[in-house]
Amino acid sequence: MVEELAAELWKYQSVGTLDESPWDQASEYWRHVFRQFAATAVKTMQARH
């Protein structure tokens, strides 16, 4: 779930920017950052339900 959410967040943020590369071509730094965002979102949602 985290990986899928990270990829969707990446896709959403990249529209209209200078870096519209697909998730699988994003740098390891950005993949790590977006996985952290996604993991936090998932944990928050799980804690509330």
N, C-alpha and C. Protein backbone atom coordinates (compact mmCIF):
# COMPACT_ATOMS: atom_id res chain seq x y z
N MET A 1 0.83 -1.19 0.00
CA MET A 1 0.00 0.00 0.00
C MET A 1 0.88 1.26 0.00
N VAL A 2 1.94 1.25 0.78
CA VAL A 2 2.81 2.42 0.87
C VAL A 2 3.45 2.72 -0.48
N GLU A 3 3.95 1.70 -1.14
CA GLU A 3 4.61 1.91 -2.44
C GLU A 3 3.64 2.47 -3.48
N GLU A 4 2.43 1.93 -3.49
CA GLU A 4 1.41 2.39 -4.44
C GLU A 4 1.02 3.84 -4.16
N LEU A 5 0.84 4.19 -2.90
CA LEU A 5 0.50 5.56 -2.54
C LEU A 5 1.65 6.51 -2.87
N ALA A 6 2.88 6.10 -2.60
CA ALA A 6 4.04 6.93 -2.92
C ALA A 6 4.09 7.21 -4.42
N ALA A 7 3.84 6.20 -5.22
CA ALA A 7 3.86 6.37 -6.68
C ALA A 7 2.76 7.33 -7.13
N GLU A 8 1.59 7.23 -6.53
CA GLU A 8 0.49 8.13 -6.89
C GLU A 8 0.80 9.56 -6.47
N LEU A 9 1.36 9.74 -5.29
CA LEU A 9 1.75 11.08 -4.85
C LEU A 9 2.79 11.67 -5.80
N TRP A 10 3.75 10.85 -6.20
CA TRP A 10 4.79 11.30 -7.13
C TRP A 10 4.16 11.74 -8.46
N LYS A 11 3.26 10.93 -8.97
CA LYS A 11 2.60 11.23 -10.24
C LYS A 11 1.82 12.55 -10.13
N TYR A 12 1.11 12.73 -9.03
CA TYR A 12 0.32 13.95 -8.83
C TYR A 12 1.20 15.18 -8.78
N GLN A 13 2.29 15.13 -8.04
CA GLN A 13 3.14 16.31 -7.88
C GLN A 13 3.93 16.65 -9.12
N SER A 14 4.17 15.67 -9.97
CA SER A 14 5.05 15.91 -11.12
C SER A 14 4.35 16.58 -12.30
N VAL A 15 3.03 16.56 -12.32
CA VAL A 15 2.30 17.15 -13.44
C VAL A 15 2.56 18.65 -13.50
N GLY A 16 3.04 19.10 -14.64
CA GLY A 16 3.30 20.51 -14.85
C GLY A 16 4.63 21.01 -14.30
N THR A 17 5.46 20.11 -13.81
CA THR A 17 6.78 20.51 -13.32
C THR A 17 7.84 20.16 -14.35
N LEU A 18 9.06 20.54 -14.06
CA LEU A 18 10.14 20.22 -14.99
C LEU A 18 10.54 18.76 -14.92
N ASP A 19 10.13 18.05 -13.87
CA ASP A 19 10.47 16.64 -13.72
C ASP A 19 9.21 15.80 -13.76
N GLU A 20 8.83 15.41 -14.95
CA GLU A 20 7.65 14.56 -15.11
C GLU A 20 8.05 13.11 -15.35
N SER A 21 9.19 12.72 -14.81
CA SER A 21 9.64 11.34 -15.00
C SER A 21 8.74 10.39 -14.23
N PRO A 22 8.58 9.17 -14.74
CA PRO A 22 7.75 8.19 -14.03
C PRO A 22 8.39 7.78 -12.71
N TRP A 23 7.57 7.23 -11.84
CA TRP A 23 8.02 6.82 -10.51
C TRP A 23 9.25 5.92 -10.57
N ASP A 24 9.25 4.96 -11.47
CA ASP A 24 10.37 4.02 -11.51
C ASP A 24 11.68 4.66 -12.00
N GLN A 25 11.60 5.90 -12.48
CA GLN A 25 12.81 6.61 -12.90
C GLN A 25 13.17 7.75 -11.95
N ALA A 26 12.40 7.92 -10.90
CA ALA A 26 12.72 8.95 -9.91
C ALA A 26 13.99 8.55 -9.16
N SER A 27 14.72 9.55 -8.71
CA SER A 27 15.95 9.25 -7.98
C SER A 27 15.62 8.53 -6.67
N GLU A 28 16.59 7.80 -6.16
CA GLU A 28 16.38 7.06 -4.92
C GLU A 28 16.06 8.00 -3.76
N TYR A 29 16.63 9.19 -3.78
CA TYR A 29 16.32 10.19 -2.74
C TYR A 29 14.82 10.50 -2.73
N TRP A 30 14.27 10.84 -3.90
CA TRP A 30 12.86 11.21 -3.96
C TRP A 30 11.95 10.02 -3.69
N ARG A 31 12.36 8.83 -4.12
CA ARG A 31 11.56 7.64 -3.82
C ARG A 31 11.50 7.43 -2.30
N HIS A 32 12.61 7.65 -1.61
CA HIS A 32 12.63 7.52 -0.15
C HIS A 32 11.71 8.56 0.50
N VAL A 33 11.82 9.80 0.05
CA VAL A 33 11.00 10.88 0.61
C VAL A 33 9.51 10.58 0.43
N PHE A 34 9.12 10.16 -0.76
CA PHE A 34 7.71 9.92 -1.02
C PHE A 34 7.21 8.66 -0.32
N ARG A 35 8.07 7.67 -0.12
CA ARG A 35 7.68 6.51 0.68
C ARG A 35 7.44 6.92 2.13
N GLN A 36 8.25 7.83 2.63
CA GLN A 36 8.07 8.32 4.00
C GLN A 36 6.74 9.08 4.12
N PHE A 37 6.44 9.93 3.14
CA PHE A 37 5.14 10.63 3.14
C PHE A 37 4.00 9.62 3.16
N ALA A 38 4.09 8.63 2.28
CA ALA A 38 3.03 7.63 2.16
C ALA A 38 2.90 6.81 3.44
N ALA A 39 4.01 6.40 4.02
CA ALA A 39 3.97 5.60 5.25
C ALA A 39 3.31 6.39 6.38
N THR A 40 3.62 7.66 6.47
CA THR A 40 3.02 8.51 7.50
C THR A 40 1.51 8.63 7.27
N ALA A 41 1.11 8.80 6.03
CA ALA A 41 -0.32 8.90 5.73
C ALA A 41 -1.04 7.60 6.08
N VAL A 42 -0.47 6.47 5.74
CA VAL A 42 -1.09 5.18 6.03
C VAL A 42 -1.20 4.98 7.55
N LYS A 43 -0.14 5.25 8.29
CA LYS A 43 -0.16 5.09 9.75
C LYS A 43 -1.22 6.00 10.37
N THR A 44 -1.32 7.22 9.88
CA THR A 44 -2.30 8.16 10.41
C THR A 44 -3.72 7.66 10.17
N MET A 45 -3.98 7.19 8.98
CA MET A 45 -5.33 6.69 8.66
C MET A 45 -5.66 5.44 9.47
N GLN A 46 -4.70 4.56 9.65
CA GLN A 46 -4.94 3.35 10.42
C GLN A 46 -5.21 3.67 11.88
N ALA A 47 -4.53 4.67 12.41
CA ALA A 47 -4.71 5.05 13.81
C ALA A 47 -6.08 5.66 14.07
N ARG A 48 -6.66 6.23 13.05
CA ARG A 48 -7.96 6.91 13.21
C ARG A 48 -9.13 5.96 12.99
N HIS A 49 -8.87 4.76 12.51
CA HIS A 49 -9.98 3.83 12.23
C HIS A 49 -9.79 2.56 12.96
